[in-house]
Amino acid sequence: MLLVIVLVIVLAALIAGGLAMWIKLAAANVRVIDAPDGELRNLVRGGVMSRHVITSGTLARLEFYDWGVRLCGTVISRWIVPTWEARYDELAIAELVALPASRIAVCFRLLDSDPRSIAFLSDRSQDILRLLQRHGVPVDRSVTKIRRVDELYR
């Protein structure tokens, strides 16, 4: 009986440690600007692809405002999906990327040398590019195939 209790405690500690590390790694892609209050203009649900976190399904939200975009988690995934914000004039380009056996993602790259690029996985990538283009963001509609997420950061 003591062995079972010890194993349960060790398992719980490993799970807690793994979650803590995952949350810390996800925080590496957080980019929060001093965004003004604005009216939500459009919302797309999907997944996120960043240096340390890839989600599928609809665990992330891409929100469009008059000032720019915010990528964030849903109510149940805010602890793992990094919040990432950018004004439209800060975006150098929005380009399409895809991992093998993955949906197409819209990758957001910044004008400055900020390495915190992030990609949003969605079946609505062409709609997203149209919305961004309306706000003057350069877009690339050709799909770049990548083998690993690290290739987004080179």
N, C-alpha and C. Protein backbone atom coordinates (compact mmCIF):
# COMPACT_ATOMS: atom_id res chain seq x y z
N MET A 1 0.83 -1.20 0.00
CA MET A 1 0.00 0.00 0.00
C MET A 1 0.87 1.26 0.00
N LEU A 2 1.95 1.22 0.75
CA LEU A 2 2.87 2.37 0.79
C LEU A 2 3.47 2.64 -0.58
N LEU A 3 3.79 1.58 -1.31
CA LEU A 3 4.35 1.73 -2.65
C LEU A 3 3.35 2.44 -3.58
N VAL A 4 2.09 2.11 -3.49
CA VAL A 4 1.06 2.75 -4.33
C VAL A 4 0.96 4.23 -3.99
N ILE A 5 0.99 4.57 -2.73
CA ILE A 5 0.91 5.98 -2.31
C ILE A 5 2.12 6.75 -2.82
N VAL A 6 3.30 6.16 -2.70
CA VAL A 6 4.52 6.82 -3.19
C VAL A 6 4.45 7.02 -4.70
N LEU A 7 3.99 6.02 -5.44
CA LEU A 7 3.87 6.13 -6.89
C LEU A 7 2.87 7.21 -7.29
N VAL A 8 1.75 7.30 -6.59
CA VAL A 8 0.76 8.35 -6.87
C VAL A 8 1.35 9.73 -6.61
N ILE A 9 2.09 9.87 -5.53
CA ILE A 9 2.72 11.16 -5.21
C ILE A 9 3.76 11.53 -6.27
N VAL A 10 4.58 10.57 -6.68
CA VAL A 10 5.59 10.83 -7.71
C VAL A 10 4.91 11.20 -9.03
N LEU A 11 3.88 10.49 -9.39
CA LEU A 11 3.15 10.79 -10.63
C LEU A 11 2.54 12.19 -10.58
N ALA A 12 1.93 12.54 -9.47
CA ALA A 12 1.34 13.88 -9.32
C ALA A 12 2.42 14.96 -9.42
N ALA A 13 3.59 14.71 -8.82
CA ALA A 13 4.69 15.68 -8.88
C ALA A 13 5.20 15.84 -10.32
N LEU A 14 5.30 14.73 -11.04
CA LEU A 14 5.74 14.80 -12.43
C LEU A 14 4.75 15.56 -13.30
N ILE A 15 3.47 15.33 -13.11
CA ILE A 15 2.44 16.05 -13.87
C ILE A 15 2.49 17.54 -13.54
N ALA A 16 2.56 17.88 -12.27
CA ALA A 16 2.62 19.30 -11.86
C ALA A 16 3.87 19.97 -12.42
N GLY A 17 5.00 19.28 -12.37
CA GLY A 17 6.24 19.85 -12.90
C GLY A 17 6.17 20.04 -14.40
N GLY A 18 5.60 19.06 -15.10
CA GLY A 18 5.45 19.18 -16.54
C GLY A 18 4.55 20.33 -16.94
N LEU A 19 3.44 20.50 -16.24
CA LEU A 19 2.53 21.63 -16.53
C LEU A 19 3.20 22.96 -16.24
N ALA A 20 3.94 23.04 -15.15
CA ALA A 20 4.63 24.29 -14.81
C ALA A 20 5.66 24.64 -15.88
N MET A 21 6.40 23.64 -16.35
CA MET A 21 7.39 23.89 -17.40
C MET A 21 6.71 24.31 -18.70
N TRP A 22 5.59 23.66 -19.05
CA TRP A 22 4.86 23.99 -20.26
C TRP A 22 4.36 25.44 -20.22
N ILE A 23 3.82 25.85 -19.08
CA ILE A 23 3.33 27.22 -18.93
C ILE A 23 4.48 28.22 -19.05
N LYS A 24 5.62 27.91 -18.45
CA LYS A 24 6.79 28.79 -18.53
C LYS A 24 7.28 28.92 -19.97
N LEU A 25 7.34 27.81 -20.69
CA LEU A 25 7.78 27.85 -22.09
C LEU A 25 6.80 28.62 -22.96
N ALA A 26 5.51 28.47 -22.71
CA ALA A 26 4.51 29.21 -23.48
C ALA A 26 4.65 30.70 -23.26
N ALA A 27 5.03 31.10 -22.06
CA ALA A 27 5.18 32.51 -21.74
C ALA A 27 6.30 33.17 -22.53
N ALA A 28 7.21 32.39 -23.09
CA ALA A 28 8.31 32.95 -23.88
C ALA A 28 7.79 33.66 -25.14
N ASN A 29 6.60 33.34 -25.60
CA ASN A 29 6.04 33.97 -26.79
C ASN A 29 5.01 35.05 -26.48
N VAL A 30 4.85 35.39 -25.23
CA VAL A 30 3.89 36.44 -24.88
C VAL A 30 4.40 37.78 -25.42
N ARG A 31 3.50 38.51 -26.05
CA ARG A 31 3.80 39.86 -26.54
C ARG A 31 2.55 40.70 -26.33
N VAL A 32 2.58 41.49 -25.30
CA VAL A 32 1.44 42.34 -24.97
C VAL A 32 1.87 43.79 -25.12
N ILE A 33 1.16 44.52 -25.96
CA ILE A 33 1.47 45.92 -26.19
C ILE A 33 0.48 46.78 -25.41
N ASP A 34 0.71 48.04 -25.40
CA ASP A 34 -0.20 48.98 -24.75
C ASP A 34 -1.34 49.29 -25.74
N ALA A 35 -2.15 48.26 -25.98
CA ALA A 35 -3.22 48.38 -26.98
C ALA A 35 -4.36 49.23 -26.43
N PRO A 36 -4.87 50.14 -27.26
CA PRO A 36 -6.02 50.93 -26.83
C PRO A 36 -7.27 50.06 -26.78
N ASP A 37 -8.24 50.50 -26.01
CA ASP A 37 -9.52 49.80 -26.04
C ASP A 37 -10.09 49.94 -27.45
N GLY A 38 -10.66 48.92 -27.92
CA GLY A 38 -11.23 48.95 -29.26
C GLY A 38 -12.36 47.95 -29.36
N GLU A 39 -13.14 48.13 -30.38
CA GLU A 39 -14.26 47.22 -30.62
C GLU A 39 -13.76 46.01 -31.40
N LEU A 40 -14.14 44.84 -30.95
CA LEU A 40 -13.79 43.61 -31.64
C LEU A 40 -14.48 43.61 -33.00
N ARG A 41 -13.71 43.57 -34.08
CA ARG A 41 -14.26 43.64 -35.43
C ARG A 41 -14.50 42.27 -36.04
N ASN A 42 -13.63 41.32 -35.71
CA ASN A 42 -13.76 39.99 -36.27
C ASN A 42 -13.06 39.00 -35.35
N LEU A 43 -13.50 37.76 -35.39
CA LEU A 43 -12.95 36.72 -34.53
C LEU A 43 -12.87 35.42 -35.31
N VAL A 44 -11.69 34.77 -35.24
CA VAL A 44 -11.50 33.48 -35.89
C VAL A 44 -10.97 32.53 -34.82
N ARG A 45 -11.53 31.33 -34.78
CA ARG A 45 -11.06 30.32 -33.82
C ARG A 45 -10.15 29.33 -34.54
N GLY A 46 -9.14 28.86 -33.81
CA GLY A 46 -8.20 27.93 -34.41
C GLY A 46 -7.18 27.47 -33.39
N GLY A 47 -5.99 27.21 -33.85
CA GLY A 47 -4.90 26.76 -32.99
C GLY A 47 -3.73 27.72 -33.09
N VAL A 48 -2.71 27.45 -32.31
CA VAL A 48 -1.53 28.30 -32.32
C VAL A 48 -0.29 27.45 -32.55
N MET A 49 0.68 28.04 -33.23
CA MET A 49 1.95 27.38 -33.45
C MET A 49 3.03 28.39 -33.08
N SER A 50 3.70 28.12 -31.96
CA SER A 50 4.78 28.99 -31.53
C SER A 50 5.97 28.11 -31.14
N ARG A 51 7.03 28.74 -30.73
CA ARG A 51 8.28 28.02 -30.47
C ARG A 51 8.08 26.81 -29.55
N HIS A 52 7.30 26.94 -28.51
CA HIS A 52 7.17 25.86 -27.53
C HIS A 52 5.76 25.29 -27.40
N VAL A 53 4.81 25.83 -28.15
CA VAL A 53 3.42 25.39 -28.01
C VAL A 53 2.78 25.23 -29.38
N ILE A 54 2.17 24.08 -29.59
CA ILE A 54 1.33 23.86 -30.77
C ILE A 54 0.01 23.30 -30.26
N THR A 55 -1.07 23.95 -30.61
CA THR A 55 -2.40 23.44 -30.24
C THR A 55 -3.18 23.18 -31.52
N SER A 56 -4.15 22.34 -31.40
CA SER A 56 -5.03 22.10 -32.54
C SER A 56 -6.45 22.40 -32.11
N GLY A 57 -7.37 22.18 -33.00
CA GLY A 57 -8.76 22.45 -32.66
C GLY A 57 -9.03 23.94 -32.59
N THR A 58 -9.80 24.33 -31.59
CA THR A 58 -10.20 25.73 -31.45
C THR A 58 -9.79 26.26 -30.07
N LEU A 59 -8.58 26.00 -29.66
CA LEU A 59 -8.10 26.45 -28.36
C LEU A 59 -7.57 27.89 -28.38
N ALA A 60 -7.46 28.48 -29.56
CA ALA A 60 -6.96 29.85 -29.68
C ALA A 60 -7.96 30.72 -30.42
N ARG A 61 -7.86 32.01 -30.16
CA ARG A 61 -8.72 33.00 -30.82
C ARG A 61 -7.83 34.04 -31.48
N LEU A 62 -8.14 34.38 -32.71
CA LEU A 62 -7.49 35.49 -33.39
C LEU A 62 -8.51 36.61 -33.47
N GLU A 63 -8.24 37.68 -32.76
CA GLU A 63 -9.18 38.80 -32.68
C GLU A 63 -8.65 39.97 -33.51
N PHE A 64 -9.53 40.56 -34.30
CA PHE A 64 -9.20 41.71 -35.12
C PHE A 64 -9.85 42.95 -34.53
N TYR A 65 -9.05 43.99 -34.33
CA TYR A 65 -9.52 45.27 -33.83
C TYR A 65 -9.15 46.34 -34.84
N ASP A 66 -9.61 47.56 -34.62
CA ASP A 66 -9.23 48.64 -35.53
C ASP A 66 -7.75 48.98 -35.39
N TRP A 67 -7.12 48.70 -34.25
CA TRP A 67 -5.71 49.00 -34.01
C TRP A 67 -4.76 47.87 -34.43
N GLY A 68 -5.26 46.60 -34.46
CA GLY A 68 -4.38 45.49 -34.78
C GLY A 68 -5.02 44.15 -34.43
N VAL A 69 -4.16 43.15 -34.13
CA VAL A 69 -4.63 41.80 -33.85
C VAL A 69 -4.17 41.33 -32.47
N ARG A 70 -4.97 40.45 -31.92
CA ARG A 70 -4.63 39.79 -30.65
C ARG A 70 -4.89 38.30 -30.84
N LEU A 71 -3.89 37.50 -30.55
CA LEU A 71 -4.04 36.05 -30.55
C LEU A 71 -3.99 35.64 -29.09
N CYS A 72 -4.98 34.90 -28.64
CA CYS A 72 -5.03 34.50 -27.23
C CYS A 72 -5.77 33.18 -27.09
N GLY A 73 -5.72 32.63 -25.90
CA GLY A 73 -6.39 31.37 -25.64
C GLY A 73 -7.87 31.59 -25.34
N THR A 74 -8.62 30.51 -25.43
CA THR A 74 -10.02 30.55 -25.02
C THR A 74 -10.06 30.47 -23.50
N VAL A 75 -11.23 30.46 -22.93
CA VAL A 75 -11.38 30.41 -21.48
C VAL A 75 -10.64 29.22 -20.88
N ILE A 76 -10.71 28.07 -21.53
CA ILE A 76 -10.08 26.88 -20.96
C ILE A 76 -8.60 26.73 -21.33
N SER A 77 -8.09 27.56 -22.25
CA SER A 77 -6.70 27.38 -22.67
C SER A 77 -5.83 28.62 -22.46
N ARG A 78 -6.30 29.61 -21.74
CA ARG A 78 -5.51 30.83 -21.52
C ARG A 78 -4.20 30.56 -20.80
N TRP A 79 -4.15 29.51 -20.03
CA TRP A 79 -2.94 29.20 -19.27
C TRP A 79 -1.83 28.61 -20.13
N ILE A 80 -2.16 28.12 -21.34
CA ILE A 80 -1.14 27.51 -22.20
C ILE A 80 -0.93 28.27 -23.50
N VAL A 81 -1.93 28.97 -24.00
CA VAL A 81 -1.79 29.73 -25.25
C VAL A 81 -1.31 31.13 -24.92
N PRO A 82 -0.13 31.51 -25.45
CA PRO A 82 0.38 32.84 -25.13
C PRO A 82 -0.46 33.94 -25.78
N THR A 83 -0.64 35.04 -25.06
CA THR A 83 -1.31 36.20 -25.64
C THR A 83 -0.27 36.95 -26.47
N TRP A 84 -0.62 37.25 -27.71
CA TRP A 84 0.30 37.91 -28.63
C TRP A 84 -0.47 39.02 -29.33
N GLU A 85 0.02 40.24 -29.22
CA GLU A 85 -0.66 41.39 -29.81
C GLU A 85 0.32 42.15 -30.71
N ALA A 86 -0.24 42.73 -31.77
CA ALA A 86 0.55 43.60 -32.65
C ALA A 86 -0.37 44.58 -33.35
N ARG A 87 0.12 45.80 -33.49
CA ARG A 87 -0.59 46.77 -34.31
C ARG A 87 -0.35 46.40 -35.78
N TYR A 88 -1.29 46.79 -36.62
CA TYR A 88 -1.14 46.48 -38.04
C TYR A 88 0.16 47.06 -38.60
N ASP A 89 0.52 48.27 -38.17
CA ASP A 89 1.72 48.90 -38.72
C ASP A 89 3.02 48.28 -38.17
N GLU A 90 2.93 47.39 -37.19
CA GLU A 90 4.11 46.68 -36.69
C GLU A 90 4.39 45.39 -37.45
N LEU A 91 3.42 44.93 -38.24
CA LEU A 91 3.55 43.66 -38.94
C LEU A 91 4.31 43.84 -40.25
N ALA A 92 5.41 43.13 -40.40
CA ALA A 92 6.19 43.18 -41.64
C ALA A 92 5.49 42.38 -42.72
N ILE A 93 4.93 41.23 -42.35
CA ILE A 93 4.27 40.36 -43.32
C ILE A 93 3.44 39.32 -42.59
N ALA A 94 2.42 38.86 -43.25
CA ALA A 94 1.66 37.69 -42.81
C ALA A 94 1.82 36.66 -43.92
N GLU A 95 2.37 35.51 -43.57
CA GLU A 95 2.66 34.50 -44.59
C GLU A 95 2.09 33.16 -44.19
N LEU A 96 1.87 32.32 -45.18
CA LEU A 96 1.31 31.00 -44.94
C LEU A 96 2.43 29.97 -44.76
N VAL A 97 2.30 29.15 -43.72
CA VAL A 97 3.26 28.09 -43.45
C VAL A 97 2.48 26.82 -43.10
N ALA A 98 3.13 25.67 -43.29
CA ALA A 98 2.49 24.41 -42.95
C ALA A 98 3.53 23.38 -42.55
N LEU A 99 3.25 22.69 -41.46
CA LEU A 99 4.03 21.53 -41.06
C LEU A 99 3.51 20.32 -41.83
N PRO A 100 4.29 19.25 -41.94
CA PRO A 100 3.74 18.03 -42.56
C PRO A 100 2.48 17.58 -41.81
N ALA A 101 1.48 17.19 -42.54
CA ALA A 101 0.22 16.70 -41.96
C ALA A 101 -0.42 17.72 -41.02
N SER A 102 -0.38 18.98 -41.40
CA SER A 102 -0.93 20.03 -40.56
C SER A 102 -1.80 20.97 -41.39
N ARG A 103 -2.68 21.67 -40.70
CA ARG A 103 -3.44 22.73 -41.36
C ARG A 103 -2.47 23.85 -41.74
N ILE A 104 -2.90 24.70 -42.61
CA ILE A 104 -2.10 25.86 -42.98
C ILE A 104 -2.23 26.91 -41.89
N ALA A 105 -1.12 27.54 -41.56
CA ALA A 105 -1.10 28.56 -40.52
C ALA A 105 -0.72 29.90 -41.13
N VAL A 106 -1.23 30.97 -40.54
CA VAL A 106 -0.82 32.32 -40.90
C VAL A 106 0.24 32.73 -39.89
N CYS A 107 1.44 32.97 -40.40
CA CYS A 107 2.57 33.36 -39.54
C CYS A 107 2.69 34.88 -39.54
N PHE A 108 2.74 35.46 -38.36
CA PHE A 108 2.86 36.91 -38.20
C PHE A 108 4.31 37.25 -37.91
N ARG A 109 4.91 38.07 -38.75
CA ARG A 109 6.30 38.52 -38.54
C ARG A 109 6.29 40.02 -38.31
N LEU A 110 7.13 40.45 -37.39
CA LEU A 110 7.20 41.86 -37.01
C LEU A 110 8.25 42.61 -37.80
N LEU A 111 8.09 43.94 -37.89
CA LEU A 111 9.04 44.78 -38.60
C LEU A 111 10.40 44.82 -37.92
N ASP A 112 10.41 44.95 -36.62
CA ASP A 112 11.69 45.03 -35.93
C ASP A 112 12.28 43.64 -35.78
N SER A 113 13.35 43.53 -35.09
CA SER A 113 14.03 42.23 -34.97
C SER A 113 13.48 41.39 -33.82
N ASP A 114 12.29 41.70 -33.36
CA ASP A 114 11.65 40.93 -32.29
C ASP A 114 11.46 39.49 -32.77
N PRO A 115 12.04 38.52 -32.08
CA PRO A 115 11.97 37.13 -32.55
C PRO A 115 10.65 36.43 -32.22
N ARG A 116 9.73 37.11 -31.58
CA ARG A 116 8.50 36.44 -31.14
C ARG A 116 7.45 36.36 -32.24
N SER A 117 7.81 35.73 -33.35
CA SER A 117 6.82 35.42 -34.38
C SER A 117 5.87 34.39 -33.81
N ILE A 118 4.69 34.34 -34.38
CA ILE A 118 3.71 33.35 -33.95
C ILE A 118 2.84 33.02 -35.15
N ALA A 119 2.29 31.85 -35.16
CA ALA A 119 1.44 31.44 -36.28
C ALA A 119 0.09 30.97 -35.74
N PHE A 120 -0.95 31.21 -36.52
CA PHE A 120 -2.31 30.86 -36.16
C PHE A 120 -2.82 29.81 -37.14
N LEU A 121 -3.16 28.64 -36.62
CA LEU A 121 -3.64 27.53 -37.45
C LEU A 121 -5.15 27.65 -37.64
N SER A 122 -5.57 27.65 -38.91
CA SER A 122 -7.00 27.80 -39.17
C SER A 122 -7.32 27.31 -40.58
N ASP A 123 -8.56 26.87 -40.74
CA ASP A 123 -9.05 26.54 -42.07
C ASP A 123 -9.44 27.80 -42.84
N ARG A 124 -9.41 28.93 -42.17
CA ARG A 124 -9.81 30.21 -42.78
C ARG A 124 -8.61 31.12 -43.08
N SER A 125 -7.47 30.53 -43.43
CA SER A 125 -6.25 31.33 -43.61
C SER A 125 -6.41 32.38 -44.72
N GLN A 126 -7.09 32.05 -45.80
CA GLN A 126 -7.27 33.04 -46.87
C GLN A 126 -8.14 34.21 -46.42
N ASP A 127 -9.17 33.94 -45.61
CA ASP A 127 -10.00 35.02 -45.05
C ASP A 127 -9.16 35.92 -44.15
N ILE A 128 -8.28 35.30 -43.35
CA ILE A 128 -7.42 36.07 -42.44
C ILE A 128 -6.49 36.98 -43.24
N LEU A 129 -5.90 36.45 -44.30
CA LEU A 129 -5.01 37.27 -45.13
C LEU A 129 -5.77 38.44 -45.76
N ARG A 130 -7.00 38.21 -46.20
CA ARG A 130 -7.81 39.31 -46.76
C ARG A 130 -8.07 40.40 -45.72
N LEU A 131 -8.40 39.99 -44.50
CA LEU A 131 -8.64 40.97 -43.44
C LEU A 131 -7.37 41.78 -43.14
N LEU A 132 -6.24 41.11 -43.10
CA LEU A 132 -4.98 41.80 -42.83
C LEU A 132 -4.61 42.74 -43.97
N GLN A 133 -4.82 42.30 -45.19
CA GLN A 133 -4.50 43.12 -46.36
C GLN A 133 -5.33 44.40 -46.39
N ARG A 134 -6.57 44.33 -45.94
CA ARG A 134 -7.42 45.53 -45.86
C ARG A 134 -6.84 46.59 -44.93
N HIS A 135 -6.00 46.15 -43.99
CA HIS A 135 -5.38 47.08 -43.04
C HIS A 135 -3.94 47.41 -43.44
N GLY A 136 -3.57 47.09 -44.66
CA GLY A 136 -2.26 47.48 -45.17
C GLY A 136 -1.12 46.54 -44.81
N VAL A 137 -1.42 45.37 -44.29
CA VAL A 137 -0.38 44.41 -43.94
C VAL A 137 0.03 43.65 -45.21
N PRO A 138 1.33 43.61 -45.53
CA PRO A 138 1.76 42.81 -46.67
C PRO A 138 1.49 41.32 -46.40
N VAL A 139 1.03 40.61 -47.41
CA VAL A 139 0.72 39.18 -47.25
C VAL A 139 1.43 38.37 -48.32
N ASP A 140 1.72 37.13 -47.99
CA ASP A 140 2.30 36.18 -48.94
C ASP A 140 1.39 34.96 -48.95
N ARG A 141 0.73 34.72 -50.07
CA ARG A 141 -0.24 33.63 -50.16
C ARG A 141 0.38 32.28 -50.54
N SER A 142 1.66 32.26 -50.87
CA SER A 142 2.30 30.99 -51.17
C SER A 142 2.58 30.27 -49.85
N VAL A 143 2.38 28.96 -49.83
CA VAL A 143 2.54 28.18 -48.61
C VAL A 143 3.98 27.68 -48.51
N THR A 144 4.65 28.06 -47.42
CA THR A 144 6.00 27.58 -47.15
C THR A 144 5.90 26.33 -46.29
N LYS A 145 6.43 25.24 -46.80
CA LYS A 145 6.43 23.98 -46.04
C LYS A 145 7.62 23.99 -45.09
N ILE A 146 7.34 23.75 -43.81
CA ILE A 146 8.41 23.66 -42.83
C ILE A 146 8.38 22.27 -42.19
N ARG A 147 9.52 21.81 -41.73
CA ARG A 147 9.59 20.49 -41.10
C ARG A 147 9.43 20.59 -39.59
N ARG A 148 9.91 21.71 -39.03
CA ARG A 148 9.83 21.92 -37.57
C ARG A 148 9.49 23.37 -37.31
N VAL A 149 8.88 23.63 -36.18
CA VAL A 149 8.48 24.98 -35.82
C VAL A 149 9.69 25.91 -35.68
N ASP A 150 10.83 25.37 -35.28
CA ASP A 150 12.04 26.18 -35.13
C ASP A 150 12.40 26.93 -36.42
N GLU A 151 11.98 26.42 -37.57
CA GLU A 151 12.28 27.07 -38.83
C GLU A 151 11.59 28.43 -38.95
N LEU A 152 10.54 28.67 -38.18
CA LEU A 152 9.88 29.98 -38.19
C LEU A 152 10.76 31.06 -37.56
N TYR A 153 11.73 30.66 -36.77
CA TYR A 153 12.53 31.60 -35.99
C TYR A 153 13.93 31.79 -36.53
N ARG A 154 14.17 31.35 -37.76
CA ARG A 154 15.50 31.53 -38.37
C ARG A 154 15.46 32.67 -39.35
